[in-house]
Amino acid sequence: MSIYLILGTYSDNGAAAMVGGDSDRRAAMDSMCNSVGAKLVDYHITRGAYDFCVIAEADSFAQIASMTLTAKGS
């Protein structure tokens, strides 16, 4: 399996839900990885240009691409 590093940002609504609620983003990322056959290695909230960093293991880039397209579509 290859290791992939995914950087991303939250929409204003996504960020507001994190601040105002009890959203478990790590569990959501784990579920997203599992849905395409990948494995979540680690998840970090970051500061700066990106809001989060996901480290995942997958057999192919197609799995990661599928995961990110699904996330963008939701």
PDB file of N, CA and C in Angstrom:
ATOM      1  N   MET A   1       0.840  -1.185   0.000  1.00  0.00           N
ATOM      2  CA  MET A   1       0.000   0.000   0.000  1.00  0.00           C
ATOM      3  C   MET A   1       0.879   1.241   0.000  1.00  0.00           C
ATOM      4  N   SER A   2       0.402   2.252  -0.691  1.00  0.00           N
ATOM      5  CA  SER A   2       1.090   3.538  -0.719  1.00  0.00           C
ATOM      6  C   SER A   2       0.487   4.460   0.325  1.00  0.00           C
ATOM      7  N   ILE A   3       1.282   5.419   0.770  1.00  0.00           N
ATOM      8  CA  ILE A   3       0.812   6.406   1.744  1.00  0.00           C
ATOM      9  C   ILE A   3       0.532   7.708   1.001  1.00  0.00           C
ATOM     10  N   TYR A   4      -0.623   8.301   1.289  1.00  0.00           N
ATOM     11  CA  TYR A   4      -1.036   9.543   0.651  1.00  0.00           C
ATOM     12  C   TYR A   4      -1.267  10.602   1.714  1.00  0.00           C
ATOM     13  N   LEU A   5      -0.881  11.823   1.406  1.00  0.00           N
ATOM     14  CA  LEU A   5      -1.077  12.979   2.268  1.00  0.00           C
ATOM     15  C   LEU A   5      -2.089  13.877   1.577  1.00  0.00           C
ATOM     16  N   ILE A   6      -3.201  14.131   2.239  1.00  0.00           N
ATOM     17  CA  ILE A   6      -4.273  14.930   1.662  1.00  0.00           C
ATOM     18  C   ILE A   6      -4.453  16.173   2.511  1.00  0.00           C
ATOM     19  N   LEU A   7      -4.369  17.337   1.876  1.00  0.00           N
ATOM     20  CA  LEU A   7      -4.568  18.612   2.553  1.00  0.00           C
ATOM     21  C   LEU A   7      -5.888  19.191   2.083  1.00  0.00           C
ATOM     22  N   GLY A   8      -6.625  19.816   2.987  1.00  0.00           N
ATOM     23  CA  GLY A   8      -7.908  20.376   2.579  1.00  0.00           C
ATOM     24  C   GLY A   8      -8.353  21.524   3.452  1.00  0.00           C
ATOM     25  N   THR A   9      -9.399  22.160   2.993  1.00  0.00           N
ATOM     26  CA  THR A   9     -10.004  23.260   3.738  1.00  0.00           C
ATOM     27  C   THR A   9     -11.491  22.975   3.921  1.00  0.00           C
ATOM     28  N   TYR A  10     -12.051  23.498   4.980  1.00  0.00           N
ATOM     29  CA  TYR A  10     -13.477  23.363   5.247  1.00  0.00           C
ATOM     30  C   TYR A  10     -14.209  24.573   4.699  1.00  0.00           C
ATOM     31  N   SER A  11     -15.440  24.358   4.264  1.00  0.00           N
ATOM     32  CA  SER A  11     -16.288  25.479   3.869  1.00  0.00           C
ATOM     33  C   SER A  11     -16.646  26.261   5.131  1.00  0.00           C
ATOM     34  N   ASP A  12     -17.225  27.431   4.967  1.00  0.00           N
ATOM     35  CA  ASP A  12     -17.652  28.220   6.125  1.00  0.00           C
ATOM     36  C   ASP A  12     -18.655  27.441   6.970  1.00  0.00           C
ATOM     37  N   ASN A  13     -19.578  26.728   6.318  1.00  0.00           N
ATOM     38  CA  ASN A  13     -20.574  25.938   7.048  1.00  0.00           C
ATOM     39  C   ASN A  13     -19.906  24.783   7.792  1.00  0.00           C
ATOM     40  N   GLY A  14     -18.935  24.138   7.164  1.00  0.00           N
ATOM     41  CA  GLY A  14     -18.226  23.030   7.812  1.00  0.00           C
ATOM     42  C   GLY A  14     -17.442  23.497   9.024  1.00  0.00           C
ATOM     43  N   ALA A  15     -16.776  24.624   8.887  1.00  0.00           N
ATOM     44  CA  ALA A  15     -16.008  25.175  10.008  1.00  0.00           C
ATOM     45  C   ALA A  15     -16.930  25.585  11.150  1.00  0.00           C
ATOM     46  N   ALA A  16     -18.073  26.174  10.830  1.00  0.00           N
ATOM     47  CA  ALA A  16     -19.019  26.596  11.865  1.00  0.00           C
ATOM     48  C   ALA A  16     -19.565  25.387  12.622  1.00  0.00           C
ATOM     49  N   ALA A  17     -19.808  24.279  11.917  1.00  0.00           N
ATOM     50  CA  ALA A  17     -20.310  23.071  12.565  1.00  0.00           C
ATOM     51  C   ALA A  17     -19.276  22.497  13.530  1.00  0.00           C
ATOM     52  N   MET A  18     -18.008  22.614  13.172  1.00  0.00           N
ATOM     53  CA  MET A  18     -16.952  22.114  14.055  1.00  0.00           C
ATOM     54  C   MET A  18     -16.854  22.939  15.325  1.00  0.00           C
ATOM     55  N   VAL A  19     -16.965  24.243  15.194  1.00  0.00           N
ATOM     56  CA  VAL A  19     -16.833  25.142  16.346  1.00  0.00           C
ATOM     57  C   VAL A  19     -18.065  25.060  17.233  1.00  0.00           C
ATOM     58  N   GLY A  20     -19.238  25.022  16.637  1.00  0.00           N
ATOM     59  CA  GLY A  20     -20.470  25.082  17.401  1.00  0.00           C
ATOM     60  C   GLY A  20     -21.017  23.734  17.836  1.00  0.00           C
ATOM     61  N   GLY A  21     -20.469  22.654  17.326  1.00  0.00           N
ATOM     62  CA  GLY A  21     -21.040  21.346  17.631  1.00  0.00           C
ATOM     63  C   GLY A  21     -20.012  20.382  18.180  1.00  0.00           C
ATOM     64  N   ASP A  22     -20.419  19.117  18.196  1.00  0.00           N
ATOM     65  CA  ASP A  22     -19.516  18.079  18.696  1.00  0.00           C
ATOM     66  C   ASP A  22     -19.169  17.098  17.576  1.00  0.00           C
ATOM     67  N   SER A  23     -18.876  17.647  16.405  1.00  0.00           N
ATOM     68  CA  SER A  23     -18.551  16.848  15.232  1.00  0.00           C
ATOM     69  C   SER A  23     -17.217  16.125  15.411  1.00  0.00           C
ATOM     70  N   ASP A  24     -17.199  14.833  15.142  1.00  0.00           N
ATOM     71  CA  ASP A  24     -15.974  14.036  15.229  1.00  0.00           C
ATOM     72  C   ASP A  24     -15.417  13.860  13.812  1.00  0.00           C
ATOM     73  N   ARG A  25     -14.602  14.797  13.390  1.00  0.00           N
ATOM     74  CA  ARG A  25     -14.087  14.803  12.018  1.00  0.00           C
ATOM     75  C   ARG A  25     -13.166  13.612  11.765  1.00  0.00           C
ATOM     76  N   ARG A  26     -12.431  13.163  12.766  1.00  0.00           N
ATOM     77  CA  ARG A  26     -11.552  11.998  12.583  1.00  0.00           C
ATOM     78  C   ARG A  26     -12.383  10.766  12.231  1.00  0.00           C
ATOM     79  N   ALA A  27     -13.489  10.560  12.942  1.00  0.00           N
ATOM     80  CA  ALA A  27     -14.366   9.427  12.647  1.00  0.00           C
ATOM     81  C   ALA A  27     -14.958   9.551  11.245  1.00  0.00           C
ATOM     82  N   ALA A  28     -15.299  10.768  10.852  1.00  0.00           N
ATOM     83  CA  ALA A  28     -15.841  10.985   9.505  1.00  0.00           C
ATOM     84  C   ALA A  28     -14.795  10.660   8.441  1.00  0.00           C
ATOM     85  N   MET A  29     -13.549  11.053   8.670  1.00  0.00           N
ATOM     86  CA  MET A  29     -12.477  10.758   7.716  1.00  0.00           C
ATOM     87  C   MET A  29     -12.180   9.259   7.680  1.00  0.00           C
ATOM     88  N   ASP A  30     -12.246   8.607   8.831  1.00  0.00           N
ATOM     89  CA  ASP A  30     -12.033   7.165   8.886  1.00  0.00           C
ATOM     90  C   ASP A  30     -13.105   6.448   8.066  1.00  0.00           C
ATOM     91  N   SER A  31     -14.335   6.866   8.235  1.00  0.00           N
ATOM     92  CA  SER A  31     -15.448   6.285   7.485  1.00  0.00           C
ATOM     93  C   SER A  31     -15.278   6.524   5.986  1.00  0.00           C
ATOM     94  N   MET A  32     -14.853   7.723   5.625  1.00  0.00           N
ATOM     95  CA  MET A  32     -14.647   8.059   4.212  1.00  0.00           C
ATOM     96  C   MET A  32     -13.552   7.181   3.607  1.00  0.00           C
ATOM     97  N   CYS A  33     -12.451   7.015   4.324  1.00  0.00           N
ATOM     98  CA  CYS A  33     -11.362   6.156   3.839  1.00  0.00           C
ATOM     99  C   CYS A  33     -11.836   4.717   3.668  1.00  0.00           C
ATOM    100  N   ASN A  34     -12.526   4.208   4.679  1.00  0.00           N
ATOM    101  CA  ASN A  34     -13.013   2.829   4.627  1.00  0.00           C
ATOM    102  C   ASN A  34     -13.976   2.604   3.472  1.00  0.00           C
ATOM    103  N   SER A  35     -14.746   3.629   3.110  1.00  0.00           N
ATOM    104  CA  SER A  35     -15.743   3.485   2.049  1.00  0.00           C
ATOM    105  C   SER A  35     -15.122   3.206   0.683  1.00  0.00           C
ATOM    106  N   VAL A  36     -13.850   3.546   0.517  1.00  0.00           N
ATOM    107  CA  VAL A  36     -13.173   3.300  -0.771  1.00  0.00           C
ATOM    108  C   VAL A  36     -12.072   2.250  -0.648  1.00  0.00           C
ATOM    109  N   GLY A  37     -11.995   1.585   0.503  1.00  0.00           N
ATOM    110  CA  GLY A  37     -11.001   0.539   0.696  1.00  0.00           C
ATOM    111  C   GLY A  37      -9.637   1.036   1.129  1.00  0.00           C
ATOM    112  N   ALA A  38      -9.566   2.288   1.565  1.00  0.00           N
ATOM    113  CA  ALA A  38      -8.311   2.859   2.064  1.00  0.00           C
ATOM    114  C   ALA A  38      -8.312   2.766   3.590  1.00  0.00           C
ATOM    115  N   LYS A  39      -7.172   3.086   4.204  1.00  0.00           N
ATOM    116  CA  LYS A  39      -7.043   3.039   5.663  1.00  0.00           C
ATOM    117  C   LYS A  39      -6.562   4.392   6.161  1.00  0.00           C
ATOM    118  N   LEU A  40      -7.282   4.959   7.122  1.00  0.00           N
ATOM    119  CA  LEU A  40      -6.858   6.208   7.744  1.00  0.00           C
ATOM    120  C   LEU A  40      -5.675   5.926   8.655  1.00  0.00           C
ATOM    121  N   VAL A  41      -4.570   6.602   8.432  1.00  0.00           N
ATOM    122  CA  VAL A  41      -3.389   6.468   9.287  1.00  0.00           C
ATOM    123  C   VAL A  41      -3.431   7.532  10.372  1.00  0.00           C
ATOM    124  N   ASP A  42      -3.713   8.782   9.975  1.00  0.00           N
ATOM    125  CA  ASP A  42      -3.768   9.869  10.950  1.00  0.00           C
ATOM    126  C   ASP A  42      -4.550  11.042  10.374  1.00  0.00           C
ATOM    127  N   TYR A  43      -5.045  11.885  11.247  1.00  0.00           N
ATOM    128  CA  TYR A  43      -5.822  13.066  10.872  1.00  0.00           C
ATOM    129  C   TYR A  43      -5.420  14.205  11.794  1.00  0.00           C
ATOM    130  N   HIS A  44      -5.148  15.370  11.218  1.00  0.00           N
ATOM    131  CA  HIS A  44      -4.720  16.526  12.007  1.00  0.00           C
ATOM    132  C   HIS A  44      -5.475  17.773  11.583  1.00  0.00           C
ATOM    133  N   ILE A  45      -5.890  18.560  12.554  1.00  0.00           N
ATOM    134  CA  ILE A  45      -6.381  19.908  12.289  1.00  0.00           C
ATOM    135  C   ILE A  45      -5.135  20.786  12.196  1.00  0.00           C
ATOM    136  N   THR A  46      -5.073  21.645  11.191  1.00  0.00           N
ATOM    137  CA  THR A  46      -3.886  22.471  10.990  1.00  0.00           C
ATOM    138  C   THR A  46      -4.259  23.954  10.992  1.00  0.00           C
ATOM    139  N   ARG A  47      -3.250  24.785  11.024  1.00  0.00           N
ATOM    140  CA  ARG A  47      -3.440  26.222  10.917  1.00  0.00           C
ATOM    141  C   ARG A  47      -2.679  26.696   9.695  1.00  0.00           C
ATOM    142  N   GLY A  48      -3.181  27.725   9.075  1.00  0.00           N
ATOM    143  CA  GLY A  48      -2.512  28.263   7.903  1.00  0.00           C
ATOM    144  C   GLY A  48      -3.368  28.108   6.663  1.00  0.00           C
ATOM    145  N   ALA A  49      -2.733  27.802   5.547  1.00  0.00           N
ATOM    146  CA  ALA A  49      -3.437  27.725   4.266  1.00  0.00           C
ATOM    147  C   ALA A  49      -4.442  26.577   4.216  1.00  0.00           C
ATOM    148  N   TYR A  50      -4.209  25.521   4.981  1.00  0.00           N
ATOM    149  CA  TYR A  50      -5.096  24.359   4.990  1.00  0.00           C
ATOM    150  C   TYR A  50      -5.674  24.152   6.388  1.00  0.00           C
ATOM    151  N   ASP A  51      -6.877  23.571   6.430  1.00  0.00           N
ATOM    152  CA  ASP A  51      -7.554  23.345   7.706  1.00  0.00           C
ATOM    153  C   ASP A  51      -7.281  21.964   8.287  1.00  0.00           C
ATOM    154  N   PHE A  52      -6.954  20.997   7.422  1.00  0.00           N
ATOM    155  CA  PHE A  52      -6.714  19.646   7.911  1.00  0.00           C
ATOM    156  C   PHE A  52      -5.727  18.904   7.015  1.00  0.00           C
ATOM    157  N   CYS A  53      -5.169  17.851   7.585  1.00  0.00           N
ATOM    158  CA  CYS A  53      -4.241  16.972   6.891  1.00  0.00           C
ATOM    159  C   CYS A  53      -4.662  15.536   7.199  1.00  0.00           C
ATOM    160  N   VAL A  54      -4.876  14.758   6.162  1.00  0.00           N
ATOM    161  CA  VAL A  54      -5.224  13.351   6.307  1.00  0.00           C
ATOM    162  C   VAL A  54      -4.064  12.524   5.759  1.00  0.00           C
ATOM    163  N   ILE A  55      -3.639  11.543   6.512  1.00  0.00           N
ATOM    164  CA  ILE A  55      -2.630  10.598   6.037  1.00  0.00           C
ATOM    165  C   ILE A  55      -3.349   9.265   5.898  1.00  0.00           C
ATOM    166  N   ALA A  56      -3.325   8.724   4.677  1.00  0.00           N
ATOM    167  CA  ALA A  56      -4.072   7.498   4.400  1.00  0.00           C
ATOM    168  C   ALA A  56      -3.209   6.519   3.612  1.00  0.00           C
ATOM    169  N   GLU A  57      -3.504   5.236   3.780  1.00  0.00           N
ATOM    170  CA  GLU A  57      -2.869   4.178   2.989  1.00  0.00           C
ATOM    171  C   GLU A  57      -3.912   3.650   2.015  1.00  0.00           C
ATOM    172  N   ALA A  58      -3.482   3.437   0.769  1.00  0.00           N
ATOM    173  CA  ALA A  58      -4.391   2.908  -0.250  1.00  0.00           C
ATOM    174  C   ALA A  58      -3.581   2.135  -1.282  1.00  0.00           C
ATOM    175  N   ASP A  59      -4.269   1.231  -1.955  1.00  0.00           N
ATOM    176  CA  ASP A  59      -3.621   0.442  -3.004  1.00  0.00           C
ATOM    177  C   ASP A  59      -3.387   1.254  -4.265  1.00  0.00           C
ATOM    178  N   SER A  60      -4.249   2.255  -4.495  1.00  0.00           N
ATOM    179  CA  SER A  60      -4.101   3.035  -5.728  1.00  0.00           C
ATOM    180  C   SER A  60      -4.543   4.481  -5.503  1.00  0.00           C
ATOM    181  N   PHE A  61      -4.060   5.332  -6.366  1.00  0.00           N
ATOM    182  CA  PHE A  61      -4.463   6.732  -6.327  1.00  0.00           C
ATOM    183  C   PHE A  61      -5.950   6.860  -6.644  1.00  0.00           C
ATOM    184  N   ALA A  62      -6.497   5.935  -7.420  1.00  0.00           N
ATOM    185  CA  ALA A  62      -7.913   5.982  -7.781  1.00  0.00           C
ATOM    186  C   ALA A  62      -8.793   5.939  -6.529  1.00  0.00           C
ATOM    187  N   GLN A  63      -8.388   5.198  -5.518  1.00  0.00           N
ATOM    188  CA  GLN A  63      -9.153   5.146  -4.266  1.00  0.00           C
ATOM    189  C   GLN A  63      -9.168   6.519  -3.596  1.00  0.00           C
ATOM    190  N   ILE A  64      -8.028   7.167  -3.566  1.00  0.00           N
ATOM    191  CA  ILE A  64      -7.920   8.489  -2.942  1.00  0.00           C
ATOM    192  C   ILE A  64      -8.707   9.514  -3.748  1.00  0.00           C
ATOM    193  N   ALA A  65      -8.601   9.443  -5.069  1.00  0.00           N
ATOM    194  CA  ALA A  65      -9.344  10.363  -5.924  1.00  0.00           C
ATOM    195  C   ALA A  65     -10.847  10.194  -5.723  1.00  0.00           C
ATOM    196  N   SER A  66     -11.299   8.956  -5.615  1.00  0.00           N
ATOM    197  CA  SER A  66     -12.713   8.681  -5.384  1.00  0.00           C
ATOM    198  C   SER A  66     -13.162   9.277  -4.055  1.00  0.00           C
ATOM    199  N   MET A  67     -12.340   9.151  -3.051  1.00  0.00           N
ATOM    200  CA  MET A  67     -12.657   9.681  -1.731  1.00  0.00           C
ATOM    201  C   MET A  67     -12.769  11.207  -1.776  1.00  0.00           C
ATOM    202  N   THR A  68     -11.832  11.862  -2.425  1.00  0.00           N
ATOM    203  CA  THR A  68     -11.856  13.333  -2.449  1.00  0.00           C
ATOM    204  C   THR A  68     -13.009  13.849  -3.305  1.00  0.00           C
ATOM    205  N   LEU A  69     -13.330  13.149  -4.394  1.00  0.00           N
ATOM    206  CA  LEU A  69     -14.478  13.580  -5.204  1.00  0.00           C
ATOM    207  C   LEU A  69     -15.777  13.413  -4.433  1.00  0.00           C
ATOM    208  N   THR A  70     -15.885  12.357  -3.658  1.00  0.00           N
ATOM    209  CA  THR A  70     -17.081  12.144  -2.837  1.00  0.00           C
ATOM    210  C   THR A  70     -17.201  13.269  -1.799  1.00  0.00           C
ATOM    211  N   ALA A  71     -16.086  13.619  -1.178  1.00  0.00           N
ATOM    212  CA  ALA A  71     -16.097  14.681  -0.164  1.00  0.00           C
ATOM    213  C   ALA A  71     -16.489  16.019  -0.780  1.00  0.00           C
ATOM    214  N   LYS A  72     -15.973  16.324  -1.964  1.00  0.00           N
ATOM    215  CA  LYS A  72     -16.313  17.589  -2.616  1.00  0.00           C
ATOM    216  C   LYS A  72     -17.769  17.630  -3.036  1.00  0.00           C
ATOM    217  N   GLY A  73     -18.336  16.483  -3.339  1.00  0.00           N
ATOM    218  CA  GLY A  73     -19.722  16.429  -3.770  1.00  0.00           C
ATOM    219  C   GLY A  73     -20.723  16.524  -2.639  1.00  0.00           C
ATOM    220  N   SER A  74     -20.253  16.347  -1.407  1.00  0.00           N
ATOM    221  CA  SER A  74     -21.200  16.366  -0.274  1.00  0.00           C
ATOM    222  C   SER A  74     -21.329  17.742   0.341  1.00  0.00           C
TER     223      SER A  74
END
